[in-house]
Amino acid sequence: RQSEQTLTYAELDSRANALAQHLRKHGVGPGTRVAILLDRSVELLASMLATLKCGAAYLALDRLAPEERLRFMLEDSEAIMLLSRSDLTAPDMTPRLDLDTLELSALNQGPVMLADEIAGETPACIIYTSGSTG
């Protein structure tokens, strides 16, 4: 866990670019959805940015949510990939990429061209609520 880690905006952008390139090679693009199951961390921010750079929408999952709720959100959102860490448990129903086992610096091939075929109605983020607020 890297709760005290700091980086510059350029370093964050570099990580997001490397991850976006990897995600694109695995089919992430406009109209797709990526689930993210991570603690609040640099990896969480890089994952969100990388997903957006691909033109996809991200779905942030709460690691403390019951497995049944996580299963529902993964199925309902039609997420094509789950970004997480190897020490976090998640339903085994979506292709998974554990960021702690991926060497992002080796993947970075420079700036990522943002997806330009994104329509205005294309979602950027999917949020599920408990429904308890009315």
N, C-alpha and C. Protein backbone atom coordinates (compact mmCIF):
# COMPACT_ATOMS: atom_id res chain seq x y z
N ARG A 1 0.85 -1.19 0.00
CA ARG A 1 0.00 0.00 0.00
C ARG A 1 0.88 1.23 0.00
N GLN A 2 0.49 2.23 -0.75
CA GLN A 2 1.33 3.40 -0.93
C GLN A 2 0.58 4.66 -0.53
N SER A 3 0.03 4.70 0.67
CA SER A 3 -0.82 5.81 1.07
C SER A 3 -0.05 7.12 1.18
N GLU A 4 1.25 7.07 1.41
CA GLU A 4 2.04 8.28 1.56
C GLU A 4 2.84 8.63 0.31
N GLN A 5 2.61 7.94 -0.77
CA GLN A 5 3.37 8.18 -2.00
C GLN A 5 2.94 9.49 -2.64
N THR A 6 3.92 10.23 -3.13
CA THR A 6 3.63 11.46 -3.86
C THR A 6 4.32 11.41 -5.22
N LEU A 7 3.73 12.07 -6.19
CA LEU A 7 4.36 12.22 -7.50
C LEU A 7 3.93 13.52 -8.13
N THR A 8 4.64 13.89 -9.15
CA THR A 8 4.29 15.10 -9.89
C THR A 8 3.15 14.77 -10.85
N TYR A 9 2.53 15.82 -11.38
CA TYR A 9 1.50 15.60 -12.39
C TYR A 9 2.08 14.89 -13.61
N ALA A 10 3.31 15.21 -13.96
CA ALA A 10 3.96 14.56 -15.11
C ALA A 10 4.15 13.07 -14.84
N GLU A 11 4.54 12.71 -13.63
CA GLU A 11 4.71 11.29 -13.28
C GLU A 11 3.37 10.56 -13.29
N LEU A 12 2.33 11.20 -12.77
CA LEU A 12 1.00 10.60 -12.79
C LEU A 12 0.53 10.41 -14.23
N ASP A 13 0.75 11.41 -15.07
CA ASP A 13 0.37 11.31 -16.47
C ASP A 13 1.14 10.19 -17.17
N SER A 14 2.41 10.04 -16.85
CA SER A 14 3.22 8.97 -17.44
C SER A 14 2.68 7.60 -17.06
N ARG A 15 2.30 7.42 -15.79
CA ARG A 15 1.71 6.14 -15.36
C ARG A 15 0.38 5.90 -16.05
N ALA A 16 -0.43 6.93 -16.14
CA ALA A 16 -1.73 6.79 -16.80
C ALA A 16 -1.55 6.45 -18.28
N ASN A 17 -0.57 7.07 -18.93
CA ASN A 17 -0.30 6.77 -20.34
C ASN A 17 0.11 5.31 -20.53
N ALA A 18 1.01 4.83 -19.68
CA ALA A 18 1.47 3.45 -19.79
C ALA A 18 0.32 2.48 -19.59
N LEU A 19 -0.51 2.73 -18.59
CA LEU A 19 -1.64 1.85 -18.33
C LEU A 19 -2.66 1.95 -19.46
N ALA A 20 -2.91 3.14 -19.98
CA ALA A 20 -3.85 3.31 -21.09
C ALA A 20 -3.40 2.52 -22.31
N GLN A 21 -2.11 2.54 -22.60
CA GLN A 21 -1.59 1.77 -23.74
C GLN A 21 -1.85 0.28 -23.52
N HIS A 22 -1.64 -0.19 -22.30
CA HIS A 22 -1.87 -1.61 -21.99
C HIS A 22 -3.37 -1.94 -22.10
N LEU A 23 -4.20 -1.06 -21.57
CA LEU A 23 -5.65 -1.30 -21.64
C LEU A 23 -6.14 -1.34 -23.08
N ARG A 24 -5.65 -0.45 -23.91
CA ARG A 24 -6.06 -0.43 -25.32
C ARG A 24 -5.70 -1.73 -26.02
N LYS A 25 -4.54 -2.29 -25.68
CA LYS A 25 -4.12 -3.58 -26.26
C LYS A 25 -5.05 -4.71 -25.84
N HIS A 26 -5.79 -4.50 -24.76
CA HIS A 26 -6.71 -5.51 -24.26
C HIS A 26 -8.17 -5.14 -24.51
N GLY A 27 -8.41 -4.28 -25.50
CA GLY A 27 -9.77 -4.02 -25.96
C GLY A 27 -10.52 -2.89 -25.28
N VAL A 28 -9.87 -2.14 -24.40
CA VAL A 28 -10.55 -1.03 -23.74
C VAL A 28 -10.55 0.17 -24.69
N GLY A 29 -11.73 0.71 -24.94
CA GLY A 29 -11.85 1.85 -25.84
C GLY A 29 -13.20 2.52 -25.65
N PRO A 30 -13.55 3.44 -26.53
CA PRO A 30 -14.83 4.15 -26.42
C PRO A 30 -16.00 3.17 -26.32
N GLY A 31 -16.89 3.46 -25.38
CA GLY A 31 -18.07 2.62 -25.19
C GLY A 31 -17.87 1.44 -24.26
N THR A 32 -16.63 1.17 -23.85
CA THR A 32 -16.40 0.06 -22.92
C THR A 32 -16.36 0.59 -21.49
N ARG A 33 -16.40 -0.34 -20.55
CA ARG A 33 -16.40 0.02 -19.13
C ARG A 33 -15.35 -0.78 -18.40
N VAL A 34 -14.67 -0.13 -17.48
CA VAL A 34 -13.62 -0.75 -16.68
C VAL A 34 -13.96 -0.57 -15.21
N ALA A 35 -13.99 -1.67 -14.47
CA ALA A 35 -14.21 -1.62 -13.02
C ALA A 35 -12.86 -1.44 -12.33
N ILE A 36 -12.84 -0.66 -11.27
CA ILE A 36 -11.61 -0.41 -10.52
C ILE A 36 -11.88 -0.72 -9.06
N LEU A 37 -11.11 -1.66 -8.52
CA LEU A 37 -11.23 -2.05 -7.11
C LEU A 37 -9.88 -1.81 -6.45
N LEU A 38 -9.70 -0.62 -5.92
CA LEU A 38 -8.44 -0.22 -5.29
C LEU A 38 -8.73 0.68 -4.10
N ASP A 39 -7.78 0.73 -3.17
CA ASP A 39 -7.86 1.72 -2.10
C ASP A 39 -7.55 3.08 -2.69
N ARG A 40 -7.80 4.14 -1.94
CA ARG A 40 -7.42 5.48 -2.39
C ARG A 40 -5.90 5.53 -2.47
N SER A 41 -5.41 5.74 -3.68
CA SER A 41 -3.97 5.66 -3.91
C SER A 41 -3.62 6.29 -5.24
N VAL A 42 -2.33 6.38 -5.50
CA VAL A 42 -1.84 6.84 -6.80
C VAL A 42 -2.35 5.92 -7.90
N GLU A 43 -2.38 4.61 -7.62
CA GLU A 43 -2.86 3.65 -8.62
C GLU A 43 -4.32 3.88 -8.98
N LEU A 44 -5.12 4.27 -8.00
CA LEU A 44 -6.53 4.56 -8.27
C LEU A 44 -6.64 5.74 -9.23
N LEU A 45 -5.92 6.82 -8.96
CA LEU A 45 -5.96 7.99 -9.85
C LEU A 45 -5.44 7.65 -11.24
N ALA A 46 -4.32 6.93 -11.32
CA ALA A 46 -3.76 6.55 -12.62
C ALA A 46 -4.73 5.66 -13.38
N SER A 47 -5.43 4.77 -12.68
CA SER A 47 -6.40 3.88 -13.33
C SER A 47 -7.59 4.65 -13.89
N MET A 48 -8.08 5.62 -13.13
CA MET A 48 -9.19 6.44 -13.61
C MET A 48 -8.76 7.23 -14.85
N LEU A 49 -7.61 7.88 -14.78
CA LEU A 49 -7.12 8.67 -15.91
C LEU A 49 -6.86 7.79 -17.13
N ALA A 50 -6.26 6.63 -16.93
CA ALA A 50 -5.97 5.72 -18.04
C ALA A 50 -7.25 5.28 -18.73
N THR A 51 -8.26 4.95 -17.94
CA THR A 51 -9.54 4.53 -18.50
C THR A 51 -10.15 5.66 -19.33
N LEU A 52 -10.12 6.87 -18.80
CA LEU A 52 -10.66 8.02 -19.53
C LEU A 52 -9.86 8.30 -20.79
N LYS A 53 -8.54 8.13 -20.75
CA LYS A 53 -7.71 8.34 -21.94
C LYS A 53 -8.08 7.35 -23.05
N CYS A 54 -8.59 6.19 -22.67
CA CYS A 54 -9.02 5.19 -23.65
C CYS A 54 -10.41 5.51 -24.21
N GLY A 55 -11.10 6.47 -23.59
CA GLY A 55 -12.45 6.80 -24.02
C GLY A 55 -13.50 5.93 -23.35
N ALA A 56 -13.08 5.14 -22.38
CA ALA A 56 -13.98 4.23 -21.66
C ALA A 56 -14.50 4.90 -20.39
N ALA A 57 -15.49 4.29 -19.79
CA ALA A 57 -16.03 4.74 -18.51
C ALA A 57 -15.46 3.87 -17.40
N TYR A 58 -15.22 4.47 -16.25
CA TYR A 58 -14.75 3.67 -15.11
C TYR A 58 -15.86 3.54 -14.08
N LEU A 59 -15.79 2.45 -13.35
CA LEU A 59 -16.71 2.14 -12.27
C LEU A 59 -15.86 1.86 -11.05
N ALA A 60 -15.88 2.76 -10.07
CA ALA A 60 -15.10 2.56 -8.85
C ALA A 60 -15.89 1.67 -7.90
N LEU A 61 -15.28 0.55 -7.51
CA LEU A 61 -15.91 -0.40 -6.60
C LEU A 61 -15.36 -0.23 -5.19
N ASP A 62 -16.22 -0.39 -4.20
CA ASP A 62 -15.81 -0.32 -2.79
C ASP A 62 -15.37 -1.71 -2.35
N ARG A 63 -14.12 -1.84 -1.94
CA ARG A 63 -13.61 -3.16 -1.57
C ARG A 63 -14.30 -3.73 -0.33
N LEU A 64 -15.02 -2.89 0.42
CA LEU A 64 -15.74 -3.36 1.60
C LEU A 64 -17.17 -3.77 1.29
N ALA A 65 -17.60 -3.60 0.05
CA ALA A 65 -18.96 -3.97 -0.34
C ALA A 65 -19.10 -5.49 -0.32
N PRO A 66 -20.30 -5.99 -0.01
CA PRO A 66 -20.53 -7.43 -0.04
C PRO A 66 -20.30 -8.00 -1.45
N GLU A 67 -19.86 -9.24 -1.52
CA GLU A 67 -19.56 -9.86 -2.81
C GLU A 67 -20.77 -9.85 -3.73
N GLU A 68 -21.95 -10.07 -3.19
CA GLU A 68 -23.17 -10.07 -4.01
C GLU A 68 -23.37 -8.71 -4.68
N ARG A 69 -23.10 -7.64 -3.97
CA ARG A 69 -23.23 -6.28 -4.54
C ARG A 69 -22.19 -6.06 -5.63
N LEU A 70 -20.95 -6.49 -5.38
CA LEU A 70 -19.90 -6.36 -6.39
C LEU A 70 -20.26 -7.14 -7.65
N ARG A 71 -20.78 -8.35 -7.47
CA ARG A 71 -21.19 -9.17 -8.62
C ARG A 71 -22.26 -8.44 -9.44
N PHE A 72 -23.25 -7.89 -8.73
CA PHE A 72 -24.31 -7.16 -9.43
C PHE A 72 -23.74 -6.00 -10.24
N MET A 73 -22.86 -5.20 -9.63
CA MET A 73 -22.32 -4.03 -10.32
C MET A 73 -21.46 -4.43 -11.51
N LEU A 74 -20.66 -5.48 -11.36
CA LEU A 74 -19.83 -5.94 -12.48
C LEU A 74 -20.69 -6.42 -13.64
N GLU A 75 -21.73 -7.18 -13.32
CA GLU A 75 -22.61 -7.70 -14.37
C GLU A 75 -23.45 -6.58 -15.00
N ASP A 76 -24.05 -5.77 -14.17
CA ASP A 76 -24.94 -4.72 -14.65
C ASP A 76 -24.20 -3.67 -15.48
N SER A 77 -22.98 -3.34 -15.09
CA SER A 77 -22.21 -2.32 -15.80
C SER A 77 -21.60 -2.84 -17.10
N GLU A 78 -21.56 -4.16 -17.24
CA GLU A 78 -20.94 -4.80 -18.40
C GLU A 78 -19.46 -4.44 -18.52
N ALA A 79 -18.80 -4.36 -17.36
CA ALA A 79 -17.36 -4.06 -17.34
C ALA A 79 -16.60 -5.17 -18.06
N ILE A 80 -15.65 -4.77 -18.92
CA ILE A 80 -14.88 -5.76 -19.66
C ILE A 80 -13.56 -6.08 -18.98
N MET A 81 -13.22 -5.32 -17.93
CA MET A 81 -11.97 -5.56 -17.22
C MET A 81 -12.10 -5.02 -15.80
N LEU A 82 -11.38 -5.67 -14.88
CA LEU A 82 -11.30 -5.23 -13.49
C LEU A 82 -9.86 -4.90 -13.19
N LEU A 83 -9.60 -3.67 -12.75
CA LEU A 83 -8.27 -3.27 -12.31
C LEU A 83 -8.23 -3.34 -10.80
N SER A 84 -7.23 -4.03 -10.26
CA SER A 84 -7.15 -4.21 -8.82
C SER A 84 -5.71 -4.47 -8.41
N ARG A 85 -5.53 -5.07 -7.24
CA ARG A 85 -4.23 -5.54 -6.74
C ARG A 85 -4.40 -6.99 -6.34
N SER A 86 -3.31 -7.72 -6.35
CA SER A 86 -3.38 -9.16 -6.08
C SER A 86 -3.83 -9.48 -4.66
N ASP A 87 -3.71 -8.55 -3.72
CA ASP A 87 -4.10 -8.82 -2.34
C ASP A 87 -5.56 -8.46 -2.06
N LEU A 88 -6.29 -7.99 -3.04
CA LEU A 88 -7.70 -7.64 -2.86
C LEU A 88 -8.60 -8.70 -3.49
N THR A 89 -9.66 -9.03 -2.78
CA THR A 89 -10.59 -10.06 -3.24
C THR A 89 -11.74 -9.43 -4.02
N ALA A 90 -12.07 -10.08 -5.14
CA ALA A 90 -13.19 -9.63 -5.97
C ALA A 90 -13.80 -10.85 -6.65
N PRO A 91 -15.07 -10.76 -7.03
CA PRO A 91 -15.69 -11.87 -7.75
C PRO A 91 -14.90 -12.20 -9.02
N ASP A 92 -14.79 -13.48 -9.30
CA ASP A 92 -14.01 -13.94 -10.46
C ASP A 92 -14.93 -14.10 -11.66
N MET A 93 -15.37 -12.97 -12.23
CA MET A 93 -16.31 -13.03 -13.34
C MET A 93 -15.95 -12.07 -14.47
N THR A 94 -14.89 -11.31 -14.28
CA THR A 94 -14.45 -10.31 -15.26
C THR A 94 -12.95 -10.45 -15.42
N PRO A 95 -12.40 -10.37 -16.63
CA PRO A 95 -10.94 -10.40 -16.77
C PRO A 95 -10.31 -9.37 -15.85
N ARG A 96 -9.25 -9.78 -15.16
CA ARG A 96 -8.66 -8.98 -14.10
C ARG A 96 -7.22 -8.64 -14.40
N LEU A 97 -6.84 -7.42 -14.07
CA LEU A 97 -5.46 -6.98 -14.19
C LEU A 97 -5.03 -6.45 -12.83
N ASP A 98 -4.07 -7.14 -12.21
CA ASP A 98 -3.55 -6.71 -10.91
C ASP A 98 -2.38 -5.77 -11.15
N LEU A 99 -2.56 -4.51 -10.78
CA LEU A 99 -1.57 -3.48 -11.10
C LEU A 99 -0.25 -3.69 -10.38
N ASP A 100 -0.27 -4.37 -9.22
CA ASP A 100 0.98 -4.60 -8.50
C ASP A 100 1.86 -5.66 -9.16
N THR A 101 1.32 -6.36 -10.14
CA THR A 101 2.12 -7.36 -10.87
C THR A 101 2.52 -6.87 -12.25
N LEU A 102 2.19 -5.63 -12.57
CA LEU A 102 2.44 -5.06 -13.89
C LEU A 102 3.54 -4.00 -13.78
N GLU A 103 4.54 -4.09 -14.62
CA GLU A 103 5.63 -3.11 -14.64
C GLU A 103 5.28 -2.02 -15.65
N LEU A 104 4.64 -0.96 -15.16
CA LEU A 104 4.15 0.09 -16.06
C LEU A 104 5.27 0.84 -16.76
N SER A 105 6.40 1.03 -16.10
CA SER A 105 7.48 1.80 -16.73
C SER A 105 7.98 1.12 -18.00
N ALA A 106 7.91 -0.20 -18.05
CA ALA A 106 8.35 -0.93 -19.24
C ALA A 106 7.34 -0.80 -20.39
N LEU A 107 6.10 -0.45 -20.05
CA LEU A 107 5.04 -0.37 -21.06
C LEU A 107 4.91 1.01 -21.68
N ASN A 108 5.42 2.03 -21.00
CA ASN A 108 5.19 3.40 -21.46
C ASN A 108 5.91 3.70 -22.76
N GLN A 109 5.15 4.06 -23.76
CA GLN A 109 5.70 4.40 -25.07
C GLN A 109 5.42 5.87 -25.40
N GLY A 110 5.30 6.69 -24.37
CA GLY A 110 5.08 8.11 -24.58
C GLY A 110 3.63 8.52 -24.41
N PRO A 111 3.32 9.75 -24.79
CA PRO A 111 1.96 10.27 -24.61
C PRO A 111 0.92 9.44 -25.37
N VAL A 112 -0.25 9.38 -24.80
CA VAL A 112 -1.37 8.66 -25.41
C VAL A 112 -2.27 9.68 -26.10
N MET A 113 -2.59 9.41 -27.33
CA MET A 113 -3.56 10.25 -28.03
C MET A 113 -4.94 9.92 -27.46
N LEU A 114 -5.61 10.92 -26.98
CA LEU A 114 -6.93 10.69 -26.41
C LEU A 114 -7.88 10.22 -27.51
N ALA A 115 -8.78 9.33 -27.12
CA ALA A 115 -9.77 8.83 -28.08
C ALA A 115 -10.58 10.01 -28.59
N ASP A 116 -10.67 10.17 -29.91
CA ASP A 116 -11.36 11.33 -30.46
C ASP A 116 -12.75 11.01 -31.00
N GLU A 117 -13.16 9.76 -30.92
CA GLU A 117 -14.48 9.42 -31.44
C GLU A 117 -15.51 9.27 -30.32
N ILE A 118 -15.32 10.00 -29.25
CA ILE A 118 -16.23 9.91 -28.11
C ILE A 118 -17.38 10.89 -28.31
N ALA A 119 -18.59 10.37 -28.24
CA ALA A 119 -19.78 11.20 -28.36
C ALA A 119 -20.08 11.88 -27.02
N GLY A 120 -20.77 12.98 -27.07
CA GLY A 120 -21.09 13.73 -25.86
C GLY A 120 -21.89 12.93 -24.84
N GLU A 121 -22.67 11.98 -25.31
CA GLU A 121 -23.49 11.19 -24.38
C GLU A 121 -22.76 9.96 -23.83
N THR A 122 -21.51 9.76 -24.24
CA THR A 122 -20.72 8.63 -23.75
C THR A 122 -20.38 8.85 -22.28
N PRO A 123 -20.69 7.88 -21.42
CA PRO A 123 -20.40 8.07 -19.99
C PRO A 123 -18.90 8.05 -19.70
N ALA A 124 -18.49 8.79 -18.67
CA ALA A 124 -17.11 8.80 -18.21
C ALA A 124 -16.97 8.00 -16.93
N CYS A 125 -18.05 7.97 -16.14
CA CYS A 125 -18.01 7.32 -14.84
C CYS A 125 -19.38 6.73 -14.55
N ILE A 126 -19.39 5.56 -13.93
CA ILE A 126 -20.64 4.92 -13.54
C ILE A 126 -20.65 4.84 -12.02
N ILE A 127 -21.71 5.34 -11.41
CA ILE A 127 -21.81 5.35 -9.95
C ILE A 127 -23.08 4.62 -9.54
N TYR A 128 -22.92 3.64 -8.67
CA TYR A 128 -24.06 2.95 -8.08
C TYR A 128 -24.26 3.50 -6.68
N THR A 129 -25.50 3.82 -6.35
CA THR A 129 -25.81 4.31 -5.01
C THR A 129 -26.62 3.27 -4.27
N SER A 130 -26.71 3.44 -2.97
CA SER A 130 -27.48 2.49 -2.17
C SER A 130 -28.97 2.72 -2.31
N GLY A 131 -29.36 3.88 -2.80
CA GLY A 131 -30.78 4.18 -2.93
C GLY A 131 -31.41 4.66 -1.64
N SER A 132 -30.61 4.78 -0.58
CA SER A 132 -31.16 5.14 0.72
C SER A 132 -31.39 6.64 0.87
N THR A 133 -30.90 7.45 -0.07
CA THR A 133 -31.06 8.90 0.07
C THR A 133 -32.29 9.42 -0.65
N GLY A 134 -33.05 8.54 -1.26
CA GLY A 134 -34.30 8.95 -1.89
C GLY A 134 -34.08 9.36 -3.25
